[in-house]
């Protein structure tokens, strides 16, 4: 009986570790801009980034990164992935004041 509890707990921790390590990403292609040559400009967050630079999104647990492509530039938005909550576990509320990925919710069992 004790061995099965240990096995279930170990499996839950493994699933939690895998779930927390995954992030959600979205890519927004950008055309080259005469106003901001050689850079990515995100009007929604009013960010100007050079290729390879990253910055946090205002008010969200998201990191915005600038990348160069063959046709221009792209913004990559990285956010917390989805986490399933098993019985006996709770999802810890994220702290949006921390930088990504520390602001992502954590599974506590």
PDB file of N, CA and C in Angstrom:
ATOM      1  N   UNK A   1       0.832  -1.194   0.000  1.00  0.00           N
ATOM      2  CA  UNK A   1       0.000   0.000   0.000  1.00  0.00           C
ATOM      3  C   UNK A   1       0.875   1.255   0.000  1.00  0.00           C
ATOM      4  N   UNK A   2       1.912   1.260   0.848  1.00  0.00           N
ATOM      5  CA  UNK A   2       2.814   2.409   0.917  1.00  0.00           C
ATOM      6  C   UNK A   2       3.568   2.594  -0.396  1.00  0.00           C
ATOM      7  N   UNK A   3       3.988   1.514  -1.015  1.00  0.00           N
ATOM      8  CA  UNK A   3       4.721   1.593  -2.282  1.00  0.00           C
ATOM      9  C   UNK A   3       3.839   2.194  -3.373  1.00  0.00           C
ATOM     10  N   UNK A   4       2.555   1.874  -3.388  1.00  0.00           N
ATOM     11  CA  UNK A   4       1.671   2.430  -4.416  1.00  0.00           C
ATOM     12  C   UNK A   4       1.465   3.927  -4.199  1.00  0.00           C
ATOM     13  N   UNK A   5       1.433   4.386  -2.960  1.00  0.00           N
ATOM     14  CA  UNK A   5       1.313   5.824  -2.687  1.00  0.00           C
ATOM     15  C   UNK A   5       2.557   6.562  -3.150  1.00  0.00           C
ATOM     16  N   UNK A   6       3.714   5.970  -2.902  1.00  0.00           N
ATOM     17  CA  UNK A   6       4.965   6.585  -3.332  1.00  0.00           C
ATOM     18  C   UNK A   6       5.011   6.655  -4.857  1.00  0.00           C
ATOM     19  N   UNK A   7       4.571   5.585  -5.516  1.00  0.00           N
ATOM     20  CA  UNK A   7       4.551   5.554  -6.974  1.00  0.00           C
ATOM     21  C   UNK A   7       3.600   6.607  -7.533  1.00  0.00           C
ATOM     22  N   UNK A   8       2.421   6.746  -6.956  1.00  0.00           N
ATOM     23  CA  UNK A   8       1.452   7.746  -7.409  1.00  0.00           C
ATOM     24  C   UNK A   8       2.007   9.155  -7.192  1.00  0.00           C
ATOM     25  N   UNK A   9       2.626   9.397  -6.049  1.00  0.00           N
ATOM     26  CA  UNK A   9       3.210  10.715  -5.765  1.00  0.00           C
ATOM     27  C   UNK A   9       4.342  11.025  -6.744  1.00  0.00           C
ATOM     28  N   UNK A  10       5.188  10.053  -7.021  1.00  0.00           N
ATOM     29  CA  UNK A  10       6.292  10.256  -7.966  1.00  0.00           C
ATOM     30  C   UNK A  10       5.765  10.543  -9.365  1.00  0.00           C
ATOM     31  N   UNK A  11       4.734   9.835  -9.772  1.00  0.00           N
ATOM     32  CA  UNK A  11       4.129  10.052 -11.086  1.00  0.00           C
ATOM     33  C   UNK A  11       3.511  11.445 -11.165  1.00  0.00           C
ATOM     34  N   UNK A  12       2.846  11.876 -10.109  1.00  0.00           N
ATOM     35  CA  UNK A  12       2.244  13.215 -10.086  1.00  0.00           C
ATOM     36  C   UNK A  12       3.314  14.295 -10.201  1.00  0.00           C
ATOM     37  N   UNK A  13       4.439  14.101  -9.522  1.00  0.00           N
ATOM     38  CA  UNK A  13       5.530  15.078  -9.607  1.00  0.00           C
ATOM     39  C   UNK A  13       6.141  15.107 -11.004  1.00  0.00           C
ATOM     40  N   UNK A  14       6.274  13.943 -11.626  1.00  0.00           N
ATOM     41  CA  UNK A  14       6.807  13.875 -12.981  1.00  0.00           C
ATOM     42  C   UNK A  14       5.889  14.600 -13.961  1.00  0.00           C
ATOM     43  N   UNK A  15       4.599  14.357 -13.849  1.00  0.00           N
ATOM     44  CA  UNK A  15       3.629  15.032 -14.718  1.00  0.00           C
ATOM     45  C   UNK A  15       3.679  16.535 -14.482  1.00  0.00           C
ATOM     46  N   UNK A  16       3.784  16.949 -13.227  1.00  0.00           N
ATOM     47  CA  UNK A  16       3.855  18.378 -12.909  1.00  0.00           C
ATOM     48  C   UNK A  16       5.103  19.003 -13.509  1.00  0.00           C
ATOM     49  N   UNK A  17       6.230  18.322 -13.427  1.00  0.00           N
ATOM     50  CA  UNK A  17       7.479  18.855 -13.975  1.00  0.00           C
ATOM     51  C   UNK A  17       7.383  19.009 -15.481  1.00  0.00           C
ATOM     52  N   UNK A  18       6.791  18.053 -16.142  1.00  0.00           N
ATOM     53  CA  UNK A  18       6.641  18.128 -17.596  1.00  0.00           C
ATOM     54  C   UNK A  18       5.678  19.248 -17.961  1.00  0.00           C
ATOM     55  N   UNK A  19       4.571  19.363 -17.240  1.00  0.00           N
ATOM     56  CA  UNK A  19       3.564  20.389 -17.551  1.00  0.00           C
ATOM     57  C   UNK A  19       4.116  21.788 -17.351  1.00  0.00           C
ATOM     58  N   UNK A  20       4.893  22.008 -16.295  1.00  0.00           N
ATOM     59  CA  UNK A  20       5.421  23.330 -16.000  1.00  0.00           C
ATOM     60  C   UNK A  20       6.483  23.733 -17.017  1.00  0.00           C
ATOM     61  N   UNK A  21       7.189  22.761 -17.591  1.00  0.00           N
ATOM     62  CA  UNK A  21       8.284  23.090 -18.497  1.00  0.00           C
ATOM     63  C   UNK A  21       7.799  23.504 -19.878  1.00  0.00           C
ATOM     64  N   UNK A  22       6.552  23.296 -20.191  1.00  0.00           N
ATOM     65  CA  UNK A  22       6.039  23.649 -21.500  1.00  0.00           C
ATOM     66  C   UNK A  22       5.476  25.059 -21.487  1.00  0.00           C
ATOM     67  N   UNK A  23       5.742  25.792 -22.547  1.00  0.00           N
ATOM     68  CA  UNK A  23       5.233  27.143 -22.660  1.00  0.00           C
ATOM     69  C   UNK A  23       4.376  27.255 -23.909  1.00  0.00           C
ATOM     70  N   UNK A  24       3.580  28.285 -23.930  1.00  0.00           N
ATOM     71  CA  UNK A  24       2.797  28.597 -25.126  1.00  0.00           C
ATOM     72  C   UNK A  24       3.523  29.699 -25.875  1.00  0.00           C
ATOM     73  N   UNK A  25       3.552  29.600 -27.198  1.00  0.00           N
ATOM     74  CA  UNK A  25       4.207  30.634 -27.991  1.00  0.00           C
ATOM     75  C   UNK A  25       3.322  31.047 -29.152  1.00  0.00           C
ATOM     76  N   UNK A  26       3.406  32.319 -29.481  1.00  0.00           N
ATOM     77  CA  UNK A  26       2.731  32.864 -30.649  1.00  0.00           C
ATOM     78  C   UNK A  26       3.748  33.697 -31.412  1.00  0.00           C
ATOM     79  N   UNK A  27       3.642  33.664 -32.733  1.00  0.00           N
ATOM     80  CA  UNK A  27       4.575  34.416 -33.576  1.00  0.00           C
ATOM     81  C   UNK A  27       3.792  35.434 -34.393  1.00  0.00           C
ATOM     82  N   UNK A  28       4.294  36.660 -34.398  1.00  0.00           N
ATOM     83  CA  UNK A  28       3.673  37.738 -35.168  1.00  0.00           C
ATOM     84  C   UNK A  28       4.693  38.233 -36.195  1.00  0.00           C
ATOM     85  N   UNK A  29       4.478  37.911 -37.476  1.00  0.00           N
ATOM     86  CA  UNK A  29       5.400  38.406 -38.515  1.00  0.00           C
ATOM     87  C   UNK A  29       5.285  39.924 -38.649  1.00  0.00           C
ATOM     88  N   UNK A  30       6.412  40.558 -38.889  1.00  0.00           N
ATOM     89  CA  UNK A  30       6.447  42.007 -39.079  1.00  0.00           C
ATOM     90  C   UNK A  30       7.118  42.326 -40.408  1.00  0.00           C
ATOM     91  N   UNK A  31       6.630  43.331 -41.090  1.00  0.00           N
ATOM     92  CA  UNK A  31       7.296  43.825 -42.290  1.00  0.00           C
ATOM     93  C   UNK A  31       8.357  44.825 -41.873  1.00  0.00           C
ATOM     94  N   UNK A  32       9.421  44.953 -42.666  1.00  0.00           N
ATOM     95  CA  UNK A  32      10.411  45.987 -42.345  1.00  0.00           C
ATOM     96  C   UNK A  32       9.749  47.361 -42.279  1.00  0.00           C
ATOM     97  N   UNK A  33      10.183  48.172 -41.330  1.00  0.00           N
ATOM     98  CA  UNK A  33       9.579  49.488 -41.114  1.00  0.00           C
ATOM     99  C   UNK A  33      10.583  50.596 -41.399  1.00  0.00           C
ATOM    100  N   UNK A  34      10.156  51.596 -42.179  1.00  0.00           N
ATOM    101  CA  UNK A  34      11.016  52.752 -42.451  1.00  0.00           C
ATOM    102  C   UNK A  34      11.238  53.568 -41.178  1.00  0.00           C
ATOM    103  N   UNK A  35      10.255  53.539 -40.268  1.00  0.00           N
ATOM    104  CA  UNK A  35      10.369  54.296 -39.017  1.00  0.00           C
ATOM    105  C   UNK A  35      11.324  53.636 -38.028  1.00  0.00           C
ATOM    106  N   UNK A  36      11.490  52.313 -38.138  1.00  0.00           N
ATOM    107  CA  UNK A  36      12.320  51.558 -37.192  1.00  0.00           C
ATOM    108  C   UNK A  36      13.195  50.560 -37.956  1.00  0.00           C
ATOM    109  N   UNK A  37      14.135  51.044 -38.786  1.00  0.00           N
ATOM    110  CA  UNK A  37      14.943  50.128 -39.597  1.00  0.00           C
ATOM    111  C   UNK A  37      15.796  49.190 -38.743  1.00  0.00           C
ATOM    112  N   UNK A  38      15.776  47.898 -39.120  1.00  0.00           N
ATOM    113  CA  UNK A  38      16.604  46.904 -38.445  1.00  0.00           C
ATOM    114  C   UNK A  38      16.083  46.472 -37.090  1.00  0.00           C
ATOM    115  N   UNK A  39      14.860  46.844 -36.754  1.00  0.00           N
ATOM    116  CA  UNK A  39      14.319  46.510 -35.434  1.00  0.00           C
ATOM    117  C   UNK A  39      12.881  46.027 -35.528  1.00  0.00           C
ATOM    118  N   UNK A  40      12.434  45.387 -34.453  1.00  0.00           N
ATOM    119  CA  UNK A  40      11.034  44.974 -34.303  1.00  0.00           C
ATOM    120  C   UNK A  40      10.312  46.047 -33.499  1.00  0.00           C
ATOM    121  N   UNK A  41       9.148  46.443 -33.973  1.00  0.00           N
ATOM    122  CA  UNK A  41       8.334  47.383 -33.212  1.00  0.00           C
ATOM    123  C   UNK A  41       6.984  46.751 -32.942  1.00  0.00           C
ATOM    124  N   UNK A  42       6.610  46.713 -31.651  1.00  0.00           N
ATOM    125  CA  UNK A  42       5.313  46.186 -31.237  1.00  0.00           C
ATOM    126  C   UNK A  42       4.457  47.356 -30.773  1.00  0.00           C
ATOM    127  N   UNK A  43       3.526  47.817 -31.613  1.00  0.00           N
ATOM    128  CA  UNK A  43       2.717  48.969 -31.218  1.00  0.00           C
ATOM    129  C   UNK A  43       1.795  48.688 -30.041  1.00  0.00           C
ATOM    130  N   UNK A  44       1.363  47.441 -29.882  1.00  0.00           N
ATOM    131  CA  UNK A  44       0.463  47.120 -28.769  1.00  0.00           C
ATOM    132  C   UNK A  44       1.140  47.312 -27.418  1.00  0.00           C
ATOM    133  N   UNK A  45       2.408  46.943 -27.320  1.00  0.00           N
ATOM    134  CA  UNK A  45       3.156  47.100 -26.069  1.00  0.00           C
ATOM    135  C   UNK A  45       4.130  48.272 -26.127  1.00  0.00           C
ATOM    136  N   UNK A  46       4.159  48.980 -27.249  1.00  0.00           N
ATOM    137  CA  UNK A  46       5.064  50.102 -27.478  1.00  0.00           C
ATOM    138  C   UNK A  46       6.504  49.719 -27.154  1.00  0.00           C
ATOM    139  N   UNK A  47       6.930  48.585 -27.740  1.00  0.00           N
ATOM    140  CA  UNK A  47       8.285  48.085 -27.553  1.00  0.00           C
ATOM    141  C   UNK A  47       9.058  48.180 -28.847  1.00  0.00           C
ATOM    142  N   UNK A  48      10.299  48.619 -28.754  1.00  0.00           N
ATOM    143  CA  UNK A  48      11.221  48.626 -29.876  1.00  0.00           C
ATOM    144  C   UNK A  48      12.387  47.734 -29.479  1.00  0.00           C
ATOM    145  N   UNK A  49      12.561  46.632 -30.207  1.00  0.00           N
ATOM    146  CA  UNK A  49      13.575  45.638 -29.861  1.00  0.00           C
ATOM    147  C   UNK A  49      14.469  45.348 -31.058  1.00  0.00           C
ATOM    148  N   UNK A  50      15.748  45.153 -30.784  1.00  0.00           N
ATOM    149  CA  UNK A  50      16.687  44.694 -31.805  1.00  0.00           C
ATOM    150  C   UNK A  50      16.589  43.175 -31.890  1.00  0.00           C
ATOM    151  N   UNK A  51      16.953  42.582 -33.036  1.00  0.00           N
ATOM    152  CA  UNK A  51      16.942  41.124 -33.125  1.00  0.00           C
ATOM    153  C   UNK A  51      17.767  40.493 -31.998  1.00  0.00           C
ATOM    154  N   UNK A  52      17.165  39.501 -31.346  1.00  0.00           N
ATOM    155  CA  UNK A  52      17.812  38.838 -30.212  1.00  0.00           C
ATOM    156  C   UNK A  52      17.445  39.427 -28.860  1.00  0.00           C
ATOM    157  N   UNK A  53      16.848  40.594 -28.835  1.00  0.00           N
ATOM    158  CA  UNK A  53      16.432  41.213 -27.577  1.00  0.00           C
ATOM    159  C   UNK A  53      15.056  40.719 -27.149  1.00  0.00           C
ATOM    160  N   UNK A  54      14.838  40.747 -25.840  1.00  0.00           N
ATOM    161  CA  UNK A  54      13.552  40.371 -25.249  1.00  0.00           C
ATOM    162  C   UNK A  54      13.152  41.396 -24.208  1.00  0.00           C
ATOM    163  N   UNK A  55      11.851  41.457 -23.956  1.00  0.00           N
ATOM    164  CA  UNK A  55      11.320  42.349 -22.924  1.00  0.00           C
ATOM    165  C   UNK A  55      10.005  41.778 -22.426  1.00  0.00           C
ATOM    166  N   UNK A  56       9.625  42.116 -21.184  1.00  0.00           N
ATOM    167  CA  UNK A  56       8.320  41.650 -20.689  1.00  0.00           C
ATOM    168  C   UNK A  56       7.185  42.465 -21.297  1.00  0.00           C
ATOM    169  N   UNK A  57       6.039  41.824 -21.456  1.00  0.00           N
ATOM    170  CA  UNK A  57       4.839  42.535 -21.872  1.00  0.00           C
ATOM    171  C   UNK A  57       4.267  43.253 -20.658  1.00  0.00           C
ATOM    172  N   UNK A  58       3.685  44.388 -20.874  1.00  0.00           N
ATOM    173  CA  UNK A  58       3.114  45.153 -19.763  1.00  0.00           C
ATOM    174  C   UNK A  58       1.861  44.472 -19.239  1.00  0.00           C
ATOM    175  N   UNK A  59       1.840  44.154 -17.941  1.00  0.00           N
ATOM    176  CA  UNK A  59       0.650  43.623 -17.297  1.00  0.00           C
ATOM    177  C   UNK A  59       0.358  42.154 -17.545  1.00  0.00           C
ATOM    178  N   UNK A  60       1.203  41.451 -18.291  1.00  0.00           N
ATOM    179  CA  UNK A  60       0.981  40.035 -18.580  1.00  0.00           C
ATOM    180  C   UNK A  60       2.235  39.234 -18.262  1.00  0.00           C
ATOM    181  N   UNK A  61       2.034  37.956 -18.006  1.00  0.00           N
ATOM    182  CA  UNK A  61       3.153  37.047 -17.782  1.00  0.00           C
ATOM    183  C   UNK A  61       3.612  36.530 -19.148  1.00  0.00           C
ATOM    184  N   UNK A  62       4.232  37.418 -19.913  1.00  0.00           N
ATOM    185  CA  UNK A  62       4.641  37.129 -21.284  1.00  0.00           C
ATOM    186  C   UNK A  62       6.002  37.775 -21.545  1.00  0.00           C
ATOM    187  N   UNK A  63       6.856  37.038 -22.267  1.00  0.00           N
ATOM    188  CA  UNK A  63       8.122  37.594 -22.736  1.00  0.00           C
ATOM    189  C   UNK A  63       7.987  37.800 -24.247  1.00  0.00           C
ATOM    190  N   UNK A  64       8.372  38.990 -24.725  1.00  0.00           N
ATOM    191  CA  UNK A  64       8.333  39.304 -26.143  1.00  0.00           C
ATOM    192  C   UNK A  64       9.768  39.342 -26.654  1.00  0.00           C
ATOM    193  N   UNK A  65      10.038  38.575 -27.707  1.00  0.00           N
ATOM    194  CA  UNK A  65      11.381  38.514 -28.283  1.00  0.00           C
ATOM    195  C   UNK A  65      11.319  38.920 -29.749  1.00  0.00           C
ATOM    196  N   UNK A  66      12.391  39.546 -30.216  1.00  0.00           N
ATOM    197  CA  UNK A  66      12.505  39.964 -31.607  1.00  0.00           C
ATOM    198  C   UNK A  66      13.426  39.006 -32.341  1.00  0.00           C
ATOM    199  N   UNK A  67      12.998  38.598 -33.531  1.00  0.00           N
ATOM    200  CA  UNK A  67      13.818  37.730 -34.357  1.00  0.00           C
ATOM    201  C   UNK A  67      13.812  38.187 -35.802  1.00  0.00           C
ATOM    202  N   UNK A  68      14.929  37.969 -36.488  1.00  0.00           N
ATOM    203  CA  UNK A  68      15.026  38.301 -37.906  1.00  0.00           C
ATOM    204  C   UNK A  68      14.603  37.095 -38.732  1.00  0.00           C
ATOM    205  N   UNK A  69      13.933  37.358 -39.855  1.00  0.00           N
ATOM    206  CA  UNK A  69      13.525  36.308 -40.792  1.00  0.00           C
ATOM    207  C   UNK A  69      14.033  36.678 -42.181  1.00  0.00           C
ATOM    208  N   UNK A  70      13.793  35.819 -43.158  1.00  0.00           N
ATOM    209  CA  UNK A  70      14.191  36.106 -44.539  1.00  0.00           C
ATOM    210  C   UNK A  70      13.442  37.290 -45.130  1.00  0.00           C
ATOM    211  N   UNK A  71      12.233  37.535 -44.646  1.00  0.00           N
ATOM    212  CA  UNK A  71      11.390  38.598 -45.203  1.00  0.00           C
ATOM    213  C   UNK A  71      11.244  39.818 -44.309  1.00  0.00           C
ATOM    214  N   UNK A  72      11.854  39.826 -43.172  1.00  0.00           N
ATOM    215  CA  UNK A  72      11.721  40.959 -42.253  1.00  0.00           C
ATOM    216  C   UNK A  72      12.044  40.549 -40.837  1.00  0.00           C
ATOM    217  N   UNK A  73      11.075  40.745 -39.975  1.00  0.00           N
ATOM    218  CA  UNK A  73      11.253  40.449 -38.563  1.00  0.00           C
ATOM    219  C   UNK A  73      10.016  39.741 -38.033  1.00  0.00           C
ATOM    220  N   UNK A  74      10.142  39.210 -36.823  1.00  0.00           N
ATOM    221  CA  UNK A  74       8.997  38.603 -36.166  1.00  0.00           C
ATOM    222  C   UNK A  74       9.111  38.826 -34.666  1.00  0.00           C
ATOM    223  N   UNK A  75       7.959  38.921 -34.039  1.00  0.00           N
ATOM    224  CA  UNK A  75       7.892  38.952 -32.586  1.00  0.00           C
ATOM    225  C   UNK A  75       7.455  37.575 -32.117  1.00  0.00           C
ATOM    226  N   UNK A  76       8.112  37.059 -31.091  1.00  0.00           N
ATOM    227  CA  UNK A  76       7.742  35.788 -30.487  1.00  0.00           C
ATOM    228  C   UNK A  76       7.247  36.092 -29.080  1.00  0.00           C
ATOM    229  N   UNK A  77       5.994  35.725 -28.829  1.00  0.00           N
ATOM    230  CA  UNK A  77       5.369  35.934 -27.522  1.00  0.00           C
ATOM    231  C   UNK A  77       5.392  34.599 -26.781  1.00  0.00           C
ATOM    232  N   UNK A  78       6.119  34.521 -25.676  1.00  0.00           N
ATOM    233  CA  UNK A  78       6.195  33.304 -24.863  1.00  0.00           C
ATOM    234  C   UNK A  78       5.401  33.518 -23.598  1.00  0.00           C
ATOM    235  N   UNK A  79       4.483  32.587 -23.323  1.00  0.00           N
ATOM    236  CA  UNK A  79       3.654  32.697 -22.121  1.00  0.00           C
ATOM    237  C   UNK A  79       3.591  31.339 -21.433  1.00  0.00           C
ATOM    238  N   UNK A  80       2.913  31.293 -20.317  1.00  0.00           N
ATOM    239  CA  UNK A  80       2.800  30.062 -19.539  1.00  0.00           C
ATOM    240  C   UNK A  80       1.952  29.037 -20.293  1.00  0.00           C
ATOM    241  N   UNK A  81       2.344  27.792 -20.229  1.00  0.00           N
ATOM    242  CA  UNK A  81       1.568  26.725 -20.841  1.00  0.00           C
ATOM    243  C   UNK A  81       0.383  26.340 -19.977  1.00  0.00           C
ATOM    244  N   UNK A  82      -0.482  25.522 -20.512  1.00  0.00           N
ATOM    245  CA  UNK A  82      -1.629  25.020 -19.758  1.00  0.00           C
ATOM    246  C   UNK A  82      -1.184  23.918 -18.815  1.00  0.00           C
ATOM    247  N   UNK A  83      -1.790  23.881 -17.651  1.00  0.00           N
ATOM    248  CA  UNK A  83      -1.460  22.871 -16.651  1.00  0.00           C
ATOM    249  C   UNK A  83      -2.743  22.192 -16.201  1.00  0.00           C
ATOM    250  N   UNK A  84      -2.788  20.869 -16.297  1.00  0.00           N
ATOM    251  CA  UNK A  84      -3.908  20.112 -15.761  1.00  0.00           C
ATOM    252  C   UNK A  84      -3.690  19.885 -14.275  1.00  0.00           C
ATOM    253  N   UNK A  85      -4.736  19.965 -13.506  1.00  0.00           N
ATOM    254  CA  UNK A  85      -4.636  19.814 -12.059  1.00  0.00           C
ATOM    255  C   UNK A  85      -5.250  18.483 -11.642  1.00  0.00           C
ATOM    256  N   UNK A  86      -4.415  17.601 -11.092  1.00  0.00           N
ATOM    257  CA  UNK A  86      -4.869  16.289 -10.635  1.00  0.00           C
ATOM    258  C   UNK A  86      -5.539  16.414  -9.263  1.00  0.00           C
ATOM    259  N   UNK A  87      -6.297  15.399  -8.896  1.00  0.00           N
ATOM    260  CA  UNK A  87      -6.915  15.369  -7.574  1.00  0.00           C
ATOM    261  C   UNK A  87      -5.834  15.496  -6.501  1.00  0.00           C
ATOM    262  N   UNK A  88      -6.112  16.284  -5.492  1.00  0.00           N
ATOM    263  CA  UNK A  88      -5.164  16.470  -4.396  1.00  0.00           C
ATOM    264  C   UNK A  88      -4.132  17.550  -4.670  1.00  0.00           C
ATOM    265  N   UNK A  89      -4.195  18.190  -5.827  1.00  0.00           N
ATOM    266  CA  UNK A  89      -3.251  19.241  -6.184  1.00  0.00           C
ATOM    267  C   UNK A  89      -3.990  20.566  -6.351  1.00  0.00           C
ATOM    268  N   UNK A  90      -3.255  21.650  -6.253  1.00  0.00           N
ATOM    269  CA  UNK A  90      -3.817  22.977  -6.485  1.00  0.00           C
ATOM    270  C   UNK A  90      -2.872  23.740  -7.404  1.00  0.00           C
ATOM    271  N   UNK A  91      -3.430  24.688  -8.116  1.00  0.00           N
ATOM    272  CA  UNK A  91      -2.646  25.545  -8.989  1.00  0.00           C
ATOM    273  C   UNK A  91      -2.362  26.834  -8.238  1.00  0.00           C
ATOM    274  N   UNK A  92      -1.075  27.089  -7.957  1.00  0.00           N
ATOM    275  CA  UNK A  92      -0.653  28.276  -7.235  1.00  0.00           C
ATOM    276  C   UNK A  92      -0.863  29.497  -8.134  1.00  0.00           C
ATOM    277  N   UNK A  93      -1.459  30.545  -7.603  1.00  0.00           N
ATOM    278  CA  UNK A  93      -1.747  31.755  -8.359  1.00  0.00           C
ATOM    279  C   UNK A  93      -0.448  32.431  -8.783  1.00  0.00           C
ATOM    280  N   UNK A  94      -0.346  32.804 -10.060  1.00  0.00           N
ATOM    281  CA  UNK A  94       0.890  33.445 -10.515  1.00  0.00           C
ATOM    282  C   UNK A  94       1.029  34.857  -9.963  1.00  0.00           C
ATOM    283  N   UNK A  95       2.262  35.297  -9.882  1.00  0.00           N
ATOM    284  CA  UNK A  95       2.558  36.662  -9.466  1.00  0.00           C
ATOM    285  C   UNK A  95       2.968  37.436 -10.715  1.00  0.00           C
ATOM    286  N   UNK A  96       2.101  38.294 -11.254  1.00  0.00           N
ATOM    287  CA  UNK A  96       2.430  38.993 -12.496  1.00  0.00           C
ATOM    288  C   UNK A  96       3.573  39.991 -12.357  1.00  0.00           C
ATOM    289  N   UNK A  97       3.988  40.288 -11.135  1.00  0.00           N
ATOM    290  CA  UNK A  97       5.094  41.225 -10.934  1.00  0.00           C
ATOM    291  C   UNK A  97       6.459  40.577 -11.159  1.00  0.00           C
ATOM    292  N   UNK A  98       6.506  39.251 -11.185  1.00  0.00           N
ATOM    293  CA  UNK A  98       7.762  38.562 -11.442  1.00  0.00           C
ATOM    294  C   UNK A  98       7.974  38.444 -12.945  1.00  0.00           C
ATOM    295  N   UNK A  99       9.236  38.361 -13.388  1.00  0.00           N
ATOM    296  CA  UNK A  99       9.486  38.201 -14.828  1.00  0.00           C
ATOM    297  C   UNK A  99       9.116  36.800 -15.305  1.00  0.00           C
ATOM    298  N   UNK A 100       8.844  36.672 -16.601  1.00  0.00           N
ATOM    299  CA  UNK A 100       8.571  35.371 -17.202  1.00  0.00           C
ATOM    300  C   UNK A 100       9.857  34.557 -17.166  1.00  0.00           C
ATOM    301  N   UNK A 101       9.830  33.301 -16.809  1.00  0.00           N
ATOM    302  CA  UNK A 101       8.720  32.411 -16.516  1.00  0.00           C
ATOM    303  C   UNK A 101       8.400  32.286 -15.021  1.00  0.00           C
ATOM    304  N   UNK A 102       9.060  33.067 -14.154  1.00  0.00           N
ATOM    305  CA  UNK A 102       8.791  32.966 -12.725  1.00  0.00           C
ATOM    306  C   UNK A 102       7.362  33.376 -12.374  1.00  0.00           C
ATOM    307  N   UNK A 103       6.693  34.133 -13.237  1.00  0.00           N
ATOM    308  CA  UNK A 103       5.322  34.572 -12.988  1.00  0.00           C
ATOM    309  C   UNK A 103       4.285  33.495 -13.331  1.00  0.00           C
ATOM    310  N   UNK A 104       4.715  32.387 -13.924  1.00  0.00           N
ATOM    311  CA  UNK A 104       3.785  31.324 -14.312  1.00  0.00           C
ATOM    312  C   UNK A 104       3.268  30.565 -13.094  1.00  0.00           C
ATOM    313  N   UNK A 105       2.026  30.090 -13.159  1.00  0.00           N
ATOM    314  CA  UNK A 105       1.478  29.314 -12.039  1.00  0.00           C
ATOM    315  C   UNK A 105       2.228  27.996 -11.871  1.00  0.00           C
ATOM    316  N   UNK A 106       2.230  27.508 -10.639  1.00  0.00           N
ATOM    317  CA  UNK A 106       2.905  26.262 -10.329  1.00  0.00           C
ATOM    318  C   UNK A 106       1.910  25.271  -9.726  1.00  0.00           C
ATOM    319  N   UNK A 107       2.120  24.018 -10.043  1.00  0.00           N
ATOM    320  CA  UNK A 107       1.292  22.945  -9.508  1.00  0.00           C
ATOM    321  C   UNK A 107       1.846  22.531  -8.164  1.00  0.00           C
ATOM    322  N   UNK A 108       1.002  22.557  -7.134  1.00  0.00           N
ATOM    323  CA  UNK A 108       1.401  22.155  -5.778  1.00  0.00           C
ATOM    324  C   UNK A 108       0.594  20.927  -5.377  1.00  0.00           C
ATOM    325  N   UNK A 109       1.296  19.839  -5.056  1.00  0.00           N
ATOM    326  CA  UNK A 109       0.614  18.599  -4.656  1.00  0.00           C
ATOM    327  C   UNK A 109       1.005  18.228  -3.230  1.00  0.00           C
TER     328      UNK A 109
END
